[in-house]
Amino acid sequence: MAFSIDDGLLSARLDVPDQDYIVVASGRELQRLCADILGPRPGPVIGLTLDADGEPVLSCADLRALVGAGVRIYLLASDELLCELRQALGSRLALDRGAVRVWWPGAEVSCDPADHPSVLALEDEPCAMTLQELALQYDLTRPRVRTHIKLIEDARAFVEHELALAQKHNRLLSQALYADGAGGSARVPSSSSSSPWPVVPPSTRRRCRR
C-alpha cells in the first residue's frame, strides 16, 4: 500500500510553490518518475528522500537554487516506494532513504551509476554540507564535463600503459646487458690496467735495450 502524505503537512514542508516539485505518493506517480528517468529529456531529474525525522533531506528552495528552473524534483516519501523504485530501475539507479540523487539524460538500467551521483546525508551533518557535496557532484557529472573527464582519463590510461611497456623494455634490456657482461662477451678492464703509464710488451722492451 502506497504511503500518503497529508496535504497540509506537505505544504508546510515546501518553502515556495513549485510546479516541478512532485511528491511521489502512489504507484502511478512512481511509474511517471521511472518513465521520466529512463525516457528522453533535455535535463536532469532529481530524486529526494526523507531523513530519519521525516523531513526532506534538502529543502526545495536550496535544490531549486542549485539545479535551476524547469528541472523536476521528485520527493519519494516512503521506504515502500523506494523499494519499488529499486525493483523498477535496478540497483545502479536506485535511490536510498536519506539520500538525494541526480539522474542525467541517458540513464539506463545498465549504465555506470557514477554518472548519476547519489549523495547521502550523514547523521548530524549540516544541510549545507550535503548541499555542497551535491553541488560538486552535480557539476562534475554534467554530460559535457563528464565527456571531457573521460577523455582525460583515457589519455592518462594510455600514457600509463605506454610508460609501463617502456619500463618493461628497459628492464629486459638491462638484464640482457648484465647477462652478456657476466658471460664474458663484454670484457671489463682489470684493476691493473688502471695504471697511468702505458704497458709496453716484453718483446718491445728487449729491442729497446739493444
N, C-alpha and C. Protein backbone atom coordinates (compact mmCIF):
# COMPACT_ATOMS: atom_id res chain seq x y z
N MET A 1 0.85 -1.20 0.00
CA MET A 1 0.00 0.00 0.00
C MET A 1 0.88 1.24 0.00
N ALA A 2 0.59 2.16 -0.89
CA ALA A 2 1.43 3.35 -1.02
C ALA A 2 1.22 4.27 0.17
N PHE A 3 2.30 4.92 0.54
CA PHE A 3 2.27 5.86 1.66
C PHE A 3 1.68 7.18 1.18
N SER A 4 0.83 7.77 1.95
CA SER A 4 0.21 9.06 1.59
C SER A 4 0.65 10.14 2.56
N ILE A 5 0.75 11.35 2.06
CA ILE A 5 1.18 12.49 2.86
C ILE A 5 0.03 13.47 3.01
N ASP A 6 -0.13 13.94 4.21
CA ASP A 6 -1.15 14.94 4.46
C ASP A 6 -0.80 16.21 3.69
N ASP A 7 -1.77 16.74 2.94
CA ASP A 7 -1.51 17.91 2.10
C ASP A 7 -1.08 19.12 2.92
N GLY A 8 -1.68 19.28 4.09
CA GLY A 8 -1.30 20.42 4.92
C GLY A 8 0.11 20.31 5.42
N LEU A 9 0.52 19.11 5.81
CA LEU A 9 1.89 18.90 6.27
C LEU A 9 2.87 19.10 5.13
N LEU A 10 2.48 18.63 3.95
CA LEU A 10 3.36 18.80 2.79
C LEU A 10 3.53 20.26 2.44
N SER A 11 2.47 21.03 2.48
CA SER A 11 2.57 22.45 2.16
C SER A 11 3.48 23.17 3.14
N ALA A 12 3.48 22.72 4.38
CA ALA A 12 4.35 23.35 5.38
C ALA A 12 5.81 23.03 5.11
N ARG A 13 6.08 21.87 4.47
CA ARG A 13 7.46 21.48 4.20
C ARG A 13 8.04 22.22 3.01
N LEU A 14 7.19 22.64 2.09
CA LEU A 14 7.68 23.30 0.89
C LEU A 14 7.92 24.77 1.17
N ASP A 15 9.10 25.23 0.75
CA ASP A 15 9.46 26.62 1.02
C ASP A 15 8.67 27.58 0.13
N VAL A 16 8.55 27.22 -1.15
CA VAL A 16 7.85 28.07 -2.11
C VAL A 16 7.03 27.17 -3.02
N PRO A 17 5.93 27.66 -3.56
CA PRO A 17 5.17 26.86 -4.53
C PRO A 17 6.05 26.54 -5.74
N ASP A 18 6.06 25.26 -6.16
CA ASP A 18 6.93 24.84 -7.25
C ASP A 18 6.21 23.74 -8.01
N GLN A 19 5.80 24.03 -9.24
CA GLN A 19 5.05 23.06 -10.02
C GLN A 19 5.91 21.88 -10.46
N ASP A 20 7.22 22.04 -10.42
CA ASP A 20 8.12 20.95 -10.79
C ASP A 20 8.63 20.18 -9.57
N TYR A 21 8.06 20.45 -8.42
CA TYR A 21 8.35 19.70 -7.19
C TYR A 21 7.21 18.69 -7.03
N ILE A 22 7.50 17.42 -7.30
CA ILE A 22 6.45 16.40 -7.39
C ILE A 22 6.62 15.40 -6.26
N VAL A 23 5.58 15.21 -5.50
CA VAL A 23 5.60 14.24 -4.41
C VAL A 23 5.10 12.90 -4.94
N VAL A 24 5.95 11.89 -4.84
CA VAL A 24 5.58 10.55 -5.29
C VAL A 24 4.92 9.83 -4.12
N ALA A 25 3.62 9.64 -4.21
CA ALA A 25 2.88 9.02 -3.12
C ALA A 25 2.01 7.87 -3.58
N SER A 26 2.15 7.47 -4.85
CA SER A 26 1.34 6.37 -5.37
C SER A 26 2.12 5.63 -6.45
N GLY A 27 1.62 4.46 -6.79
CA GLY A 27 2.27 3.68 -7.83
C GLY A 27 2.25 4.37 -9.19
N ARG A 28 1.17 5.09 -9.47
CA ARG A 28 1.09 5.80 -10.74
C ARG A 28 2.14 6.89 -10.82
N GLU A 29 2.33 7.62 -9.74
CA GLU A 29 3.36 8.67 -9.73
C GLU A 29 4.75 8.07 -9.80
N LEU A 30 4.91 6.88 -9.23
CA LEU A 30 6.21 6.20 -9.33
C LEU A 30 6.49 5.79 -10.77
N GLN A 31 5.48 5.33 -11.48
CA GLN A 31 5.65 4.98 -12.89
C GLN A 31 6.02 6.21 -13.70
N ARG A 32 5.45 7.34 -13.34
CA ARG A 32 5.80 8.58 -14.03
C ARG A 32 7.26 8.93 -13.81
N LEU A 33 7.72 8.74 -12.57
CA LEU A 33 9.12 9.02 -12.26
C LEU A 33 10.04 8.10 -13.07
N CYS A 34 9.74 6.80 -13.11
CA CYS A 34 10.57 5.85 -13.85
C CYS A 34 10.61 6.20 -15.34
N ALA A 35 9.45 6.56 -15.89
CA ALA A 35 9.40 6.94 -17.29
C ALA A 35 10.21 8.21 -17.55
N ASP A 36 10.18 9.10 -16.60
CA ASP A 36 10.94 10.34 -16.73
C ASP A 36 12.44 10.07 -16.67
N ILE A 37 12.85 9.16 -15.79
CA ILE A 37 14.28 8.85 -15.64
C ILE A 37 14.82 8.15 -16.88
N LEU A 38 14.09 7.17 -17.39
CA LEU A 38 14.58 6.34 -18.49
C LEU A 38 14.25 6.91 -19.86
N GLY A 39 13.36 7.88 -19.93
CA GLY A 39 12.96 8.43 -21.21
C GLY A 39 13.85 9.57 -21.67
N PRO A 40 13.66 10.00 -22.91
CA PRO A 40 14.45 11.12 -23.44
C PRO A 40 14.02 12.43 -22.79
N ARG A 41 14.99 13.25 -22.46
CA ARG A 41 14.72 14.54 -21.82
C ARG A 41 15.95 15.43 -21.97
N PRO A 42 15.77 16.73 -21.93
CA PRO A 42 16.90 17.64 -22.14
C PRO A 42 17.76 17.87 -20.91
N GLY A 43 17.18 17.67 -19.72
CA GLY A 43 17.91 18.00 -18.49
C GLY A 43 17.81 16.91 -17.45
N PRO A 44 18.37 17.17 -16.27
CA PRO A 44 18.39 16.16 -15.22
C PRO A 44 17.04 16.03 -14.52
N VAL A 45 16.93 14.93 -13.76
CA VAL A 45 15.82 14.70 -12.85
C VAL A 45 16.42 14.49 -11.46
N ILE A 46 15.83 15.09 -10.46
CA ILE A 46 16.34 15.00 -9.10
C ILE A 46 15.41 14.13 -8.26
N GLY A 47 15.99 13.19 -7.51
CA GLY A 47 15.24 12.37 -6.58
C GLY A 47 15.60 12.74 -5.15
N LEU A 48 14.60 12.96 -4.34
CA LEU A 48 14.79 13.42 -2.97
C LEU A 48 14.06 12.48 -2.02
N THR A 49 14.63 12.24 -0.86
CA THR A 49 14.00 11.38 0.14
C THR A 49 13.90 12.11 1.48
N LEU A 50 13.32 11.42 2.45
CA LEU A 50 13.17 11.97 3.79
C LEU A 50 14.28 11.48 4.69
N ASP A 51 14.60 12.28 5.70
CA ASP A 51 15.60 11.86 6.67
C ASP A 51 14.94 11.07 7.80
N ALA A 52 15.71 10.78 8.84
CA ALA A 52 15.19 9.98 9.95
C ALA A 52 14.05 10.67 10.69
N ASP A 53 13.98 11.99 10.61
CA ASP A 53 12.93 12.74 11.28
C ASP A 53 11.69 12.94 10.40
N GLY A 54 11.73 12.38 9.19
CA GLY A 54 10.60 12.52 8.30
C GLY A 54 10.57 13.82 7.53
N GLU A 55 11.69 14.52 7.46
CA GLU A 55 11.79 15.78 6.73
C GLU A 55 12.63 15.56 5.47
N PRO A 56 12.35 16.32 4.39
CA PRO A 56 13.19 16.20 3.19
C PRO A 56 14.66 16.46 3.52
N VAL A 57 15.52 15.68 2.90
CA VAL A 57 16.96 15.80 3.15
C VAL A 57 17.45 17.21 2.85
N LEU A 58 16.96 17.80 1.77
CA LEU A 58 17.29 19.17 1.42
C LEU A 58 16.00 19.92 1.13
N SER A 59 16.03 21.19 1.35
CA SER A 59 14.83 22.00 1.11
C SER A 59 14.64 22.22 -0.38
N CYS A 60 13.40 22.47 -0.73
CA CYS A 60 13.07 22.73 -2.14
C CYS A 60 13.80 23.98 -2.64
N ALA A 61 13.85 25.00 -1.81
CA ALA A 61 14.50 26.26 -2.22
C ALA A 61 15.98 26.05 -2.51
N ASP A 62 16.66 25.28 -1.66
CA ASP A 62 18.09 25.03 -1.88
C ASP A 62 18.32 24.22 -3.16
N LEU A 63 17.50 23.20 -3.36
CA LEU A 63 17.65 22.39 -4.57
C LEU A 63 17.35 23.22 -5.82
N ARG A 64 16.31 24.02 -5.74
CA ARG A 64 15.95 24.83 -6.91
C ARG A 64 17.04 25.83 -7.23
N ALA A 65 17.66 26.40 -6.21
CA ALA A 65 18.76 27.34 -6.45
C ALA A 65 19.94 26.64 -7.11
N LEU A 66 20.12 25.36 -6.83
CA LEU A 66 21.24 24.62 -7.39
C LEU A 66 20.97 24.19 -8.83
N VAL A 67 19.82 23.59 -9.08
CA VAL A 67 19.57 22.98 -10.39
C VAL A 67 18.88 23.93 -11.36
N GLY A 68 18.31 25.01 -10.86
CA GLY A 68 17.66 25.96 -11.74
C GLY A 68 16.21 25.61 -12.01
N ALA A 69 15.54 26.50 -12.71
CA ALA A 69 14.12 26.32 -13.01
C ALA A 69 13.92 25.26 -14.08
N GLY A 70 12.76 24.61 -14.03
CA GLY A 70 12.40 23.65 -15.07
C GLY A 70 12.87 22.24 -14.82
N VAL A 71 13.72 22.02 -13.84
CA VAL A 71 14.20 20.68 -13.52
C VAL A 71 13.22 20.04 -12.54
N ARG A 72 12.73 18.84 -12.86
CA ARG A 72 11.77 18.18 -11.99
C ARG A 72 12.47 17.59 -10.76
N ILE A 73 11.88 17.84 -9.62
CA ILE A 73 12.36 17.31 -8.35
C ILE A 73 11.27 16.39 -7.79
N TYR A 74 11.61 15.12 -7.61
CA TYR A 74 10.66 14.14 -7.11
C TYR A 74 10.99 13.80 -5.67
N LEU A 75 10.02 13.93 -4.80
CA LEU A 75 10.17 13.55 -3.40
C LEU A 75 9.50 12.21 -3.18
N LEU A 76 10.30 11.19 -2.84
CA LEU A 76 9.77 9.87 -2.52
C LEU A 76 9.62 9.76 -1.01
N ALA A 77 8.40 9.58 -0.58
CA ALA A 77 8.10 9.78 0.83
C ALA A 77 7.96 8.49 1.64
N SER A 78 8.28 7.34 1.08
CA SER A 78 8.16 6.11 1.86
C SER A 78 9.20 5.10 1.44
N ASP A 79 9.57 4.22 2.35
CA ASP A 79 10.52 3.15 2.06
C ASP A 79 9.94 2.16 1.05
N GLU A 80 8.63 1.97 1.10
CA GLU A 80 7.98 1.04 0.17
C GLU A 80 8.16 1.51 -1.27
N LEU A 81 7.97 2.80 -1.48
CA LEU A 81 8.15 3.35 -2.83
C LEU A 81 9.60 3.30 -3.27
N LEU A 82 10.51 3.47 -2.33
CA LEU A 82 11.93 3.36 -2.67
C LEU A 82 12.28 1.94 -3.08
N CYS A 83 11.69 0.96 -2.44
CA CYS A 83 11.91 -0.44 -2.82
C CYS A 83 11.34 -0.72 -4.20
N GLU A 84 10.17 -0.19 -4.48
CA GLU A 84 9.57 -0.36 -5.79
C GLU A 84 10.41 0.31 -6.87
N LEU A 85 10.98 1.46 -6.54
CA LEU A 85 11.85 2.15 -7.50
C LEU A 85 13.09 1.31 -7.78
N ARG A 86 13.66 0.68 -6.76
CA ARG A 86 14.83 -0.17 -6.94
C ARG A 86 14.49 -1.36 -7.84
N GLN A 87 13.32 -1.93 -7.63
CA GLN A 87 12.91 -3.06 -8.45
C GLN A 87 12.72 -2.65 -9.90
N ALA A 88 12.24 -1.44 -10.11
CA ALA A 88 11.96 -0.97 -11.47
C ALA A 88 13.23 -0.55 -12.21
N LEU A 89 14.16 0.08 -11.50
CA LEU A 89 15.35 0.64 -12.15
C LEU A 89 16.60 -0.21 -11.96
N GLY A 90 16.61 -1.06 -10.94
CA GLY A 90 17.82 -1.81 -10.63
C GLY A 90 18.67 -1.06 -9.62
N SER A 91 19.66 -1.76 -9.10
CA SER A 91 20.49 -1.19 -8.04
C SER A 91 21.36 -0.03 -8.53
N ARG A 92 21.69 0.00 -9.81
CA ARG A 92 22.58 1.04 -10.33
C ARG A 92 21.94 2.43 -10.29
N LEU A 93 20.64 2.48 -10.42
CA LEU A 93 19.94 3.77 -10.46
C LEU A 93 19.02 3.96 -9.26
N ALA A 94 19.13 3.10 -8.27
CA ALA A 94 18.24 3.16 -7.13
C ALA A 94 18.51 4.40 -6.28
N LEU A 95 17.54 4.71 -5.46
CA LEU A 95 17.64 5.85 -4.53
C LEU A 95 17.39 5.33 -3.13
N ASP A 96 18.30 5.60 -2.21
CA ASP A 96 18.19 5.13 -0.84
C ASP A 96 17.60 6.21 0.06
N ARG A 97 17.01 5.77 1.13
CA ARG A 97 16.44 6.71 2.09
C ARG A 97 17.56 7.58 2.68
N GLY A 98 17.28 8.84 2.86
CA GLY A 98 18.26 9.77 3.40
C GLY A 98 19.22 10.31 2.36
N ALA A 99 18.93 10.06 1.08
CA ALA A 99 19.84 10.49 0.02
C ALA A 99 19.10 11.35 -0.99
N VAL A 100 19.88 12.03 -1.80
CA VAL A 100 19.36 12.79 -2.93
C VAL A 100 20.19 12.37 -4.15
N ARG A 101 19.51 12.22 -5.28
CA ARG A 101 20.21 11.70 -6.46
C ARG A 101 19.88 12.53 -7.69
N VAL A 102 20.87 12.58 -8.58
CA VAL A 102 20.72 13.26 -9.87
C VAL A 102 20.73 12.20 -10.96
N TRP A 103 19.68 12.15 -11.75
CA TRP A 103 19.65 11.29 -12.93
C TRP A 103 19.79 12.17 -14.17
N TRP A 104 20.93 12.08 -14.82
CA TRP A 104 21.16 12.85 -16.02
C TRP A 104 20.51 12.17 -17.23
N PRO A 105 20.32 12.88 -18.33
CA PRO A 105 19.77 12.24 -19.54
C PRO A 105 20.63 11.06 -19.97
N GLY A 106 19.98 10.06 -20.53
CA GLY A 106 20.70 8.87 -20.97
C GLY A 106 20.79 7.78 -19.92
N ALA A 107 20.07 7.94 -18.82
CA ALA A 107 20.12 6.92 -17.77
C ALA A 107 19.52 5.62 -18.27
N GLU A 108 20.24 4.53 -18.01
CA GLU A 108 19.79 3.20 -18.39
C GLU A 108 20.02 2.25 -17.23
N VAL A 109 19.31 1.11 -17.27
CA VAL A 109 19.43 0.14 -16.19
C VAL A 109 20.87 -0.37 -16.07
N SER A 110 21.59 -0.46 -17.20
CA SER A 110 22.95 -1.00 -17.20
C SER A 110 24.02 0.08 -17.23
N CYS A 111 23.67 1.33 -16.95
CA CYS A 111 24.64 2.42 -17.07
C CYS A 111 25.58 2.43 -15.87
N ASP A 112 26.59 3.29 -15.96
CA ASP A 112 27.53 3.49 -14.87
C ASP A 112 26.85 4.33 -13.79
N PRO A 113 26.68 3.80 -12.58
CA PRO A 113 26.00 4.57 -11.54
C PRO A 113 26.71 5.86 -11.17
N ALA A 114 28.03 5.91 -11.40
CA ALA A 114 28.78 7.12 -11.06
C ALA A 114 28.38 8.30 -11.95
N ASP A 115 27.77 8.02 -13.11
CA ASP A 115 27.33 9.09 -13.98
C ASP A 115 26.08 9.78 -13.46
N HIS A 116 25.43 9.17 -12.48
CA HIS A 116 24.20 9.72 -11.92
C HIS A 116 24.37 9.74 -10.39
N PRO A 117 25.05 10.75 -9.88
CA PRO A 117 25.53 10.73 -8.50
C PRO A 117 24.41 10.73 -7.46
N SER A 118 24.68 10.02 -6.38
CA SER A 118 23.80 9.98 -5.23
C SER A 118 24.58 10.45 -4.01
N VAL A 119 24.01 11.38 -3.27
CA VAL A 119 24.67 11.93 -2.09
C VAL A 119 23.83 11.58 -0.87
N LEU A 120 24.46 10.91 0.07
CA LEU A 120 23.78 10.52 1.30
C LEU A 120 24.02 11.57 2.38
N ALA A 121 22.95 12.02 2.98
CA ALA A 121 23.05 12.99 4.07
C ALA A 121 23.43 12.25 5.34
N LEU A 122 24.60 12.54 5.87
CA LEU A 122 25.08 11.86 7.07
C LEU A 122 24.35 12.38 8.30
N GLU A 123 24.27 11.53 9.30
CA GLU A 123 23.59 11.91 10.53
C GLU A 123 24.33 13.05 11.22
N ASP A 124 23.60 14.02 11.67
CA ASP A 124 24.13 15.20 12.36
C ASP A 124 24.98 16.08 11.44
N GLU A 125 24.94 15.83 10.15
CA GLU A 125 25.67 16.69 9.22
C GLU A 125 24.79 17.87 8.82
N PRO A 126 25.32 19.08 8.84
CA PRO A 126 24.51 20.22 8.43
C PRO A 126 24.03 20.08 6.98
N CYS A 127 22.86 20.59 6.71
CA CYS A 127 22.31 20.53 5.36
C CYS A 127 23.23 21.23 4.36
N ALA A 128 23.92 22.24 4.83
CA ALA A 128 24.83 22.98 3.95
C ALA A 128 25.94 22.08 3.41
N MET A 129 26.41 21.14 4.23
CA MET A 129 27.46 20.22 3.79
C MET A 129 26.92 19.26 2.73
N THR A 130 25.72 18.76 2.96
CA THR A 130 25.10 17.87 1.97
C THR A 130 24.88 18.60 0.66
N LEU A 131 24.41 19.84 0.75
CA LEU A 131 24.18 20.64 -0.45
C LEU A 131 25.48 20.93 -1.18
N GLN A 132 26.54 21.19 -0.43
CA GLN A 132 27.84 21.47 -1.04
C GLN A 132 28.36 20.24 -1.79
N GLU A 133 28.22 19.06 -1.19
CA GLU A 133 28.67 17.84 -1.85
C GLU A 133 27.83 17.56 -3.10
N LEU A 134 26.53 17.79 -3.00
CA LEU A 134 25.67 17.59 -4.16
C LEU A 134 26.04 18.56 -5.28
N ALA A 135 26.32 19.80 -4.93
CA ALA A 135 26.71 20.79 -5.93
C ALA A 135 27.99 20.38 -6.65
N LEU A 136 28.95 19.84 -5.90
CA LEU A 136 30.20 19.38 -6.50
C LEU A 136 29.94 18.23 -7.48
N GLN A 137 29.20 17.23 -7.02
CA GLN A 137 28.90 16.09 -7.88
C GLN A 137 28.05 16.50 -9.08
N TYR A 138 27.18 17.44 -8.87
CA TYR A 138 26.32 17.93 -9.95
C TYR A 138 27.16 18.56 -11.06
N ASP A 139 28.15 19.34 -10.68
CA ASP A 139 29.00 19.99 -11.68
C ASP A 139 29.93 18.99 -12.37
N LEU A 140 30.49 18.05 -11.61
CA LEU A 140 31.46 17.12 -12.18
C LEU A 140 30.83 16.09 -13.10
N THR A 141 29.53 15.83 -12.93
CA THR A 141 28.89 14.80 -13.74
C THR A 141 28.01 15.37 -14.84
N ARG A 142 28.07 16.65 -15.07
CA ARG A 142 27.35 17.20 -16.22
C ARG A 142 27.82 16.46 -17.48
N PRO A 143 26.92 16.16 -18.41
CA PRO A 143 27.32 15.37 -19.58
C PRO A 143 28.54 15.89 -20.32
N ARG A 144 28.61 17.20 -20.55
CA ARG A 144 29.77 17.75 -21.27
C ARG A 144 31.04 17.62 -20.44
N VAL A 145 30.94 17.92 -19.16
CA VAL A 145 32.11 17.80 -18.29
C VAL A 145 32.53 16.35 -18.17
N ARG A 146 31.56 15.46 -18.02
CA ARG A 146 31.85 14.04 -17.89
C ARG A 146 32.57 13.51 -19.12
N THR A 147 32.19 13.99 -20.30
CA THR A 147 32.84 13.56 -21.54
C THR A 147 34.31 13.96 -21.55
N HIS A 148 34.58 15.21 -21.16
CA HIS A 148 35.97 15.68 -21.12
C HIS A 148 36.77 14.92 -20.07
N ILE A 149 36.18 14.65 -18.93
CA ILE A 149 36.88 13.92 -17.88
C ILE A 149 37.23 12.51 -18.36
N LYS A 150 36.32 11.87 -19.06
CA LYS A 150 36.60 10.53 -19.57
C LYS A 150 37.70 10.55 -20.62
N LEU A 151 37.73 11.59 -21.45
CA LEU A 151 38.82 11.71 -22.42
C LEU A 151 40.16 11.85 -21.72
N ILE A 152 40.19 12.66 -20.67
CA ILE A 152 41.42 12.84 -19.90
C ILE A 152 41.83 11.52 -19.25
N GLU A 153 40.87 10.81 -18.67
CA GLU A 153 41.17 9.53 -18.02
C GLU A 153 41.67 8.50 -19.03
N ASP A 154 41.06 8.48 -20.22
CA ASP A 154 41.52 7.54 -21.25
C ASP A 154 42.93 7.88 -21.71
N ALA A 155 43.22 9.18 -21.88
CA ALA A 155 44.57 9.58 -22.29
C ALA A 155 45.58 9.24 -21.22
N ARG A 156 45.23 9.44 -19.96
CA ARG A 156 46.14 9.10 -18.86
C ARG A 156 46.38 7.60 -18.81
N ALA A 157 45.32 6.81 -19.01
CA ALA A 157 45.48 5.36 -19.01
C ALA A 157 46.39 4.90 -20.14
N PHE A 158 46.27 5.54 -21.31
CA PHE A 158 47.12 5.19 -22.44
C PHE A 158 48.58 5.52 -22.15
N VAL A 159 48.82 6.70 -21.58
CA VAL A 159 50.19 7.10 -21.25
C VAL A 159 50.78 6.16 -20.20
N GLU A 160 49.99 5.81 -19.20
CA GLU A 160 50.48 4.89 -18.17
C GLU A 160 50.79 3.52 -18.76
N HIS A 161 49.99 3.08 -19.72
CA HIS A 161 50.25 1.79 -20.38
C HIS A 161 51.55 1.85 -21.18
N GLU A 162 51.73 2.92 -21.95
CA GLU A 162 52.95 3.06 -22.74
C GLU A 162 54.18 3.18 -21.83
N LEU A 163 54.04 3.88 -20.72
CA LEU A 163 55.14 4.02 -19.78
C LEU A 163 55.51 2.67 -19.17
N ALA A 164 54.51 1.88 -18.85
CA ALA A 164 54.77 0.55 -18.31
C ALA A 164 55.49 -0.33 -19.32
N LEU A 165 55.10 -0.24 -20.59
CA LEU A 165 55.78 -1.01 -21.64
C LEU A 165 57.24 -0.56 -21.79
N ALA A 166 57.46 0.77 -21.74
CA ALA A 166 58.83 1.28 -21.87
C ALA A 166 59.68 0.84 -20.68
N GLN A 167 59.13 0.87 -19.49
CA GLN A 167 59.87 0.42 -18.32
C GLN A 167 60.19 -1.07 -18.40
N LYS A 168 59.26 -1.85 -18.89
CA LYS A 168 59.50 -3.29 -19.05
C LYS A 168 60.59 -3.53 -20.08
N HIS A 169 60.56 -2.77 -21.18
CA HIS A 169 61.59 -2.92 -22.21
C HIS A 169 62.96 -2.56 -21.66
N ASN A 170 63.03 -1.46 -20.91
CA ASN A 170 64.32 -1.05 -20.34
C ASN A 170 64.82 -2.07 -19.33
N ARG A 171 63.93 -2.65 -18.57
CA ARG A 171 64.32 -3.66 -17.59
C ARG A 171 64.86 -4.91 -18.27
N LEU A 172 64.19 -5.34 -19.34
CA LEU A 172 64.68 -6.51 -20.08
C LEU A 172 66.01 -6.22 -20.75
N LEU A 173 66.17 -5.01 -21.26
CA LEU A 173 67.43 -4.63 -21.89
C LEU A 173 68.56 -4.61 -20.88
N SER A 174 68.31 -4.08 -19.70
CA SER A 174 69.32 -4.05 -18.65
C SER A 174 69.71 -5.46 -18.22
N GLN A 175 68.73 -6.34 -18.12
CA GLN A 175 69.01 -7.71 -17.75
C GLN A 175 69.85 -8.41 -18.82
N ALA A 176 69.54 -8.12 -20.10
CA ALA A 176 70.31 -8.72 -21.19
C ALA A 176 71.75 -8.23 -21.19
N LEU A 177 71.95 -6.94 -20.97
CA LEU A 177 73.30 -6.40 -20.94
C LEU A 177 74.09 -6.96 -19.76
N TYR A 178 73.43 -7.11 -18.62
CA TYR A 178 74.09 -7.67 -17.44
C TYR A 178 74.49 -9.12 -17.70
N ALA A 179 73.58 -9.86 -18.34
CA ALA A 179 73.88 -11.27 -18.64
C ALA A 179 75.04 -11.39 -19.61
N ASP A 180 75.11 -10.53 -20.62
CA ASP A 180 76.24 -10.54 -21.56
C ASP A 180 77.54 -10.24 -20.85
N GLY A 181 77.51 -9.27 -19.94
CA GLY A 181 78.74 -8.94 -19.21
C GLY A 181 79.18 -10.05 -18.30
N ALA A 182 78.25 -10.71 -17.64
CA ALA A 182 78.61 -11.81 -16.75
C ALA A 182 79.10 -13.01 -17.52
N GLY A 183 78.67 -13.17 -18.78
CA GLY A 183 79.10 -14.32 -19.57
C GLY A 183 80.45 -14.13 -20.22
N GLY A 184 81.03 -12.96 -20.14
CA GLY A 184 82.37 -12.73 -20.67
C GLY A 184 82.41 -12.15 -22.05
N SER A 185 81.28 -11.97 -22.69
CA SER A 185 81.31 -11.42 -24.04
C SER A 185 81.70 -9.96 -24.03
N ALA A 186 81.47 -9.32 -22.94
CA ALA A 186 81.89 -7.93 -22.80
C ALA A 186 82.99 -7.88 -21.76
N ARG A 187 84.22 -7.57 -22.17
CA ARG A 187 85.37 -7.57 -21.28
C ARG A 187 85.41 -6.30 -20.44
N VAL A 188 85.65 -6.50 -19.17
CA VAL A 188 85.77 -5.39 -18.25
C VAL A 188 87.23 -5.23 -17.87
N PRO A 189 87.82 -4.08 -18.02
CA PRO A 189 89.26 -3.90 -17.68
C PRO A 189 89.51 -4.28 -16.24
N SER A 190 90.67 -4.93 -16.01
CA SER A 190 91.04 -5.30 -14.66
C SER A 190 91.58 -4.10 -13.92
N SER A 191 91.78 -4.28 -12.60
CA SER A 191 92.25 -3.17 -11.79
C SER A 191 93.67 -2.78 -12.14
N SER A 192 94.51 -3.74 -12.67
CA SER A 192 95.90 -3.43 -13.01
C SER A 192 96.00 -2.53 -14.22
N SER A 193 94.98 -2.54 -15.04
CA SER A 193 95.04 -1.71 -16.25
C SER A 193 94.75 -0.26 -15.98
N SER A 194 94.50 0.07 -14.73
CA SER A 194 94.17 1.45 -14.40
C SER A 194 95.41 2.31 -14.18
N SER A 195 96.61 1.74 -14.40
CA SER A 195 97.85 2.49 -14.23
C SER A 195 97.93 3.59 -15.27
N PRO A 196 98.40 4.78 -14.89
CA PRO A 196 98.51 5.89 -15.86
C PRO A 196 99.61 5.69 -16.88
N TRP A 197 100.57 4.73 -16.63
CA TRP A 197 101.69 4.53 -17.55
C TRP A 197 101.33 3.48 -18.60
N PRO A 198 101.74 3.68 -19.82
CA PRO A 198 101.44 2.70 -20.87
C PRO A 198 102.16 1.39 -20.60
N VAL A 199 101.51 0.31 -20.96
CA VAL A 199 102.10 -1.02 -20.78
C VAL A 199 102.82 -1.39 -22.06
N VAL A 200 104.11 -1.65 -21.96
CA VAL A 200 104.93 -1.99 -23.13
C VAL A 200 105.14 -3.49 -23.17
N PRO A 201 104.88 -4.15 -24.29
CA PRO A 201 105.09 -5.59 -24.38
C PRO A 201 106.54 -5.94 -24.12
N PRO A 202 106.82 -7.14 -23.56
CA PRO A 202 108.20 -7.55 -23.25
C PRO A 202 109.12 -7.54 -24.46
N SER A 203 108.61 -7.99 -25.59
CA SER A 203 109.47 -8.03 -26.78
C SER A 203 109.94 -6.64 -27.18
N THR A 204 109.11 -5.66 -26.98
CA THR A 204 109.48 -4.28 -27.32
C THR A 204 110.52 -3.77 -26.37
N ARG A 205 110.42 -4.13 -25.09
CA ARG A 205 111.39 -3.69 -24.10
C ARG A 205 112.78 -4.27 -24.44
N ARG A 206 112.80 -5.52 -24.91
CA ARG A 206 114.08 -6.12 -25.26
C ARG A 206 114.72 -5.39 -26.44
N ARG A 207 113.95 -5.02 -27.43
CA ARG A 207 114.51 -4.31 -28.57
C ARG A 207 115.04 -2.93 -28.14
N CYS A 208 114.44 -2.32 -27.17
CA CYS A 208 114.87 -1.01 -26.72
C CYS A 208 116.22 -1.09 -26.04
N ARG A 209 116.55 -2.23 -25.37
CA ARG A 209 117.83 -2.34 -24.70
C ARG A 209 118.97 -2.39 -25.72
N ARG A 210 118.75 -2.92 -26.88
CA ARG A 210 119.80 -3.02 -27.88
C ARG A 210 120.09 -1.65 -28.43
